Amino acid sequence: MFGGEGLVKKRSFLLATFVAASVVLLGVSGPAQAAPTGCTTGATGYTAGAYCESGTGQFRAKTRCNKPWAPDYARYGEWMGVGTWTSFAKCDNGHLAFNPTWETR
């Protein structure tokens, strides 16, 4: 009778240890991080563009737009794959694009 209880406790301990170790291992490894590199930006008029030529993941253009006598606002381009196309962020007509940059994922 004592041997049976001890065996159950030992199995429970081993199972709990295995579950705890699995949680730790799963918590340490996460999704891979995207890292586009070689990115450049520019702005002219009401449009800003961004292009990333190497690395992995995706990028998109981001710009601030100057709306006269009102708060500035942000605009974003479409997500693009590295080395494919230029992402364009467009402000409303008459609102100049400034401070162009890019976001990655």
C-alpha atoms as a PDB file:
ATOM      1  CA  MET A   1       0.000   0.000   0.000  1.00  0.00           C
ATOM      2  CA  PHE A   2       2.782   2.474   0.873  1.00  0.00           C
ATOM      3  CA  GLY A   3       4.654   1.670  -2.348  1.00  0.00           C
ATOM      4  CA  GLY A   4       1.608   2.607  -4.449  1.00  0.00           C
ATOM      5  CA  GLU A   5       1.165   6.032  -2.839  1.00  0.00           C
ATOM      6  CA  GLY A   6       4.851   6.803  -3.173  1.00  0.00           C
ATOM      7  CA  LEU A   7       4.794   5.867  -6.860  1.00  0.00           C
ATOM      8  CA  VAL A   8       1.770   8.137  -7.509  1.00  0.00           C
ATOM      9  CA  LYS A   9       3.488  11.039  -5.724  1.00  0.00           C
ATOM     10  CA  LYS A  10       6.689  10.452  -7.696  1.00  0.00           C
ATOM     11  CA  ARG A  11       4.793  10.373 -11.004  1.00  0.00           C
ATOM     12  CA  SER A  12       2.898  13.541 -10.071  1.00  0.00           C
ATOM     13  CA  PHE A  13       6.155  15.282  -9.216  1.00  0.00           C
ATOM     14  CA  LEU A  14       7.748  14.216 -12.505  1.00  0.00           C
ATOM     15  CA  LEU A  15       4.684  15.345 -14.474  1.00  0.00           C
ATOM     16  CA  ALA A  16       4.646  18.719 -12.697  1.00  0.00           C
ATOM     17  CA  THR A  17       8.376  19.152 -13.376  1.00  0.00           C
ATOM     18  CA  PHE A  18       7.895  18.320 -17.064  1.00  0.00           C
ATOM     19  CA  VAL A  19       4.990  20.798 -17.395  1.00  0.00           C
ATOM     20  CA  ALA A  20       6.964  23.564 -15.663  1.00  0.00           C
ATOM     21  CA  ALA A  21      10.001  22.972 -17.878  1.00  0.00           C
ATOM     22  CA  SER A  22       7.800  23.035 -20.986  1.00  0.00           C
ATOM     23  CA  VAL A  23       6.266  26.364 -19.973  1.00  0.00           C
ATOM     24  CA  VAL A  24       9.718  27.871 -19.440  1.00  0.00           C
ATOM     25  CA  LEU A  25      10.991  26.616 -22.784  1.00  0.00           C
ATOM     26  CA  LEU A  26       7.923  27.845 -24.646  1.00  0.00           C
ATOM     27  CA  GLY A  27       8.174  31.226 -22.948  1.00  0.00           C
ATOM     28  CA  VAL A  28      11.808  31.654 -23.981  1.00  0.00           C
ATOM     29  CA  SER A  29      11.282  30.932 -27.667  1.00  0.00           C
ATOM     30  CA  GLY A  30       8.991  33.413 -29.380  1.00  0.00           C
ATOM     31  CA  PRO A  31       8.199  34.324 -32.959  1.00  0.00           C
ATOM     32  CA  ALA A  32      11.034  35.433 -35.195  1.00  0.00           C
ATOM     33  CA  GLN A  33      11.466  39.184 -35.425  1.00  0.00           C
ATOM     34  CA  ALA A  34      11.311  40.881 -38.805  1.00  0.00           C
ATOM     35  CA  ALA A  35      14.346  42.980 -39.638  1.00  0.00           C
ATOM     36  CA  PRO A  36      14.246  44.916 -42.920  1.00  0.00           C
ATOM     37  CA  THR A  37      17.516  46.756 -43.565  1.00  0.00           C
ATOM     38  CA  GLY A  38      18.879  49.227 -46.091  1.00  0.00           C
ATOM     39  CA  CYS A  39      15.784  51.423 -45.812  1.00  0.00           C
ATOM     40  CA  THR A  40      15.529  54.922 -47.285  1.00  0.00           C
ATOM     41  CA  THR A  41      12.796  57.547 -47.266  1.00  0.00           C
ATOM     42  CA  GLY A  42      11.907  60.769 -48.997  1.00  0.00           C
ATOM     43  CA  ALA A  43       9.042  63.244 -49.225  1.00  0.00           C
ATOM     44  CA  THR A  44       7.870  65.648 -51.884  1.00  0.00           C
ATOM     45  CA  GLY A  45       4.658  67.614 -51.840  1.00  0.00           C
ATOM     46  CA  TYR A  46       1.935  65.596 -50.147  1.00  0.00           C
ATOM     47  CA  THR A  47       3.578  62.161 -50.658  1.00  0.00           C
ATOM     48  CA  ALA A  48       6.291  60.304 -48.727  1.00  0.00           C
ATOM     49  CA  GLY A  49       7.902  57.044 -49.781  1.00  0.00           C
ATOM     50  CA  ALA A  50       9.962  54.325 -48.136  1.00  0.00           C
ATOM     51  CA  TYR A  51      11.939  51.439 -49.615  1.00  0.00           C
ATOM     52  CA  CYS A  52      13.873  48.654 -47.874  1.00  0.00           C
ATOM     53  CA  GLU A  53      16.264  46.687 -50.053  1.00  0.00           C
ATOM     54  CA  SER A  54      17.408  43.820 -47.840  1.00  0.00           C
ATOM     55  CA  GLY A  55      16.715  41.785 -44.719  1.00  0.00           C
ATOM     56  CA  THR A  56      13.479  39.980 -43.917  1.00  0.00           C
ATOM     57  CA  GLY A  57       9.927  40.938 -43.072  1.00  0.00           C
ATOM     58  CA  GLN A  58       7.824  43.844 -44.281  1.00  0.00           C
ATOM     59  CA  PHE A  59       7.903  47.631 -44.097  1.00  0.00           C
ATOM     60  CA  ARG A  60       5.620  50.569 -44.773  1.00  0.00           C
ATOM     61  CA  ALA A  61       6.033  54.317 -45.188  1.00  0.00           C
ATOM     62  CA  LYS A  62       4.903  56.665 -42.431  1.00  0.00           C
ATOM     63  CA  THR A  63       4.734  60.435 -42.627  1.00  0.00           C
ATOM     64  CA  ARG A  64       3.427  63.397 -40.692  1.00  0.00           C
ATOM     65  CA  CYS A  65       1.108  65.714 -42.620  1.00  0.00           C
ATOM     66  CA  ASN A  66       0.961  69.480 -42.083  1.00  0.00           C
ATOM     67  CA  LYS A  67      -2.646  70.656 -42.096  1.00  0.00           C
ATOM     68  CA  PRO A  68      -2.652  74.488 -41.950  1.00  0.00           C
ATOM     69  CA  TRP A  69      -4.273  75.964 -38.819  1.00  0.00           C
ATOM     70  CA  ALA A  70      -5.062  72.499 -37.449  1.00  0.00           C
ATOM     71  CA  PRO A  71      -3.174  69.666 -35.703  1.00  0.00           C
ATOM     72  CA  ASP A  72      -0.783  67.622 -37.834  1.00  0.00           C
ATOM     73  CA  TYR A  73      -1.720  64.002 -38.504  1.00  0.00           C
ATOM     74  CA  ALA A  74       0.002  60.759 -39.545  1.00  0.00           C
ATOM     75  CA  ARG A  75      -0.517  58.732 -42.701  1.00  0.00           C
ATOM     76  CA  TYR A  76       0.720  55.231 -43.495  1.00  0.00           C
ATOM     77  CA  GLY A  77       1.501  53.370 -46.719  1.00  0.00           C
ATOM     78  CA  GLU A  78       0.751  49.763 -47.564  1.00  0.00           C
ATOM     79  CA  TRP A  79       2.887  46.957 -46.119  1.00  0.00           C
ATOM     80  CA  MET A  80       5.464  45.786 -48.678  1.00  0.00           C
ATOM     81  CA  GLY A  81       7.917  42.908 -48.828  1.00  0.00           C
ATOM     82  CA  VAL A  82      11.615  43.712 -48.654  1.00  0.00           C
ATOM     83  CA  GLY A  83      13.142  44.449 -52.067  1.00  0.00           C
ATOM     84  CA  THR A  84       9.819  44.538 -53.914  1.00  0.00           C
ATOM     85  CA  TRP A  85       8.102  47.926 -54.220  1.00  0.00           C
ATOM     86  CA  THR A  86       8.147  51.376 -52.662  1.00  0.00           C
ATOM     87  CA  SER A  87       5.494  52.055 -50.024  1.00  0.00           C
ATOM     88  CA  PHE A  88       3.820  55.470 -50.365  1.00  0.00           C
ATOM     89  CA  ALA A  89       2.042  57.413 -47.623  1.00  0.00           C
ATOM     90  CA  LYS A  90      -0.121  60.237 -48.990  1.00  0.00           C
ATOM     91  CA  CYS A  91      -1.445  63.267 -47.160  1.00  0.00           C
ATOM     92  CA  ASP A  92      -4.671  64.966 -48.157  1.00  0.00           C
ATOM     93  CA  ASN A  93      -4.280  67.432 -51.048  1.00  0.00           C
ATOM     94  CA  GLY A  94      -2.733  70.689 -49.897  1.00  0.00           C
ATOM     95  CA  HIS A  95      -1.215  69.161 -46.754  1.00  0.00           C
ATOM     96  CA  LEU A  96       2.549  68.805 -47.013  1.00  0.00           C
ATOM     97  CA  ALA A  97       4.294  65.585 -45.993  1.00  0.00           C
ATOM     98  CA  PHE A  98       7.192  65.950 -43.538  1.00  0.00           C
ATOM     99  CA  ASN A  99       9.318  63.761 -41.268  1.00  0.00           C
ATOM    100  CA  PRO A 100       9.087  60.636 -43.485  1.00  0.00           C
ATOM    101  CA  THR A 101      10.088  57.355 -41.883  1.00  0.00           C
ATOM    102  CA  TRP A 102       9.163  53.656 -41.998  1.00  0.00           C
ATOM    103  CA  GLU A 103       7.718  50.960 -39.770  1.00  0.00           C
ATOM    104  CA  THR A 104       8.621  47.268 -39.860  1.00  0.00           C
ATOM    105  CA  ARG A 105       7.001  43.971 -38.953  1.00  0.00           C
END
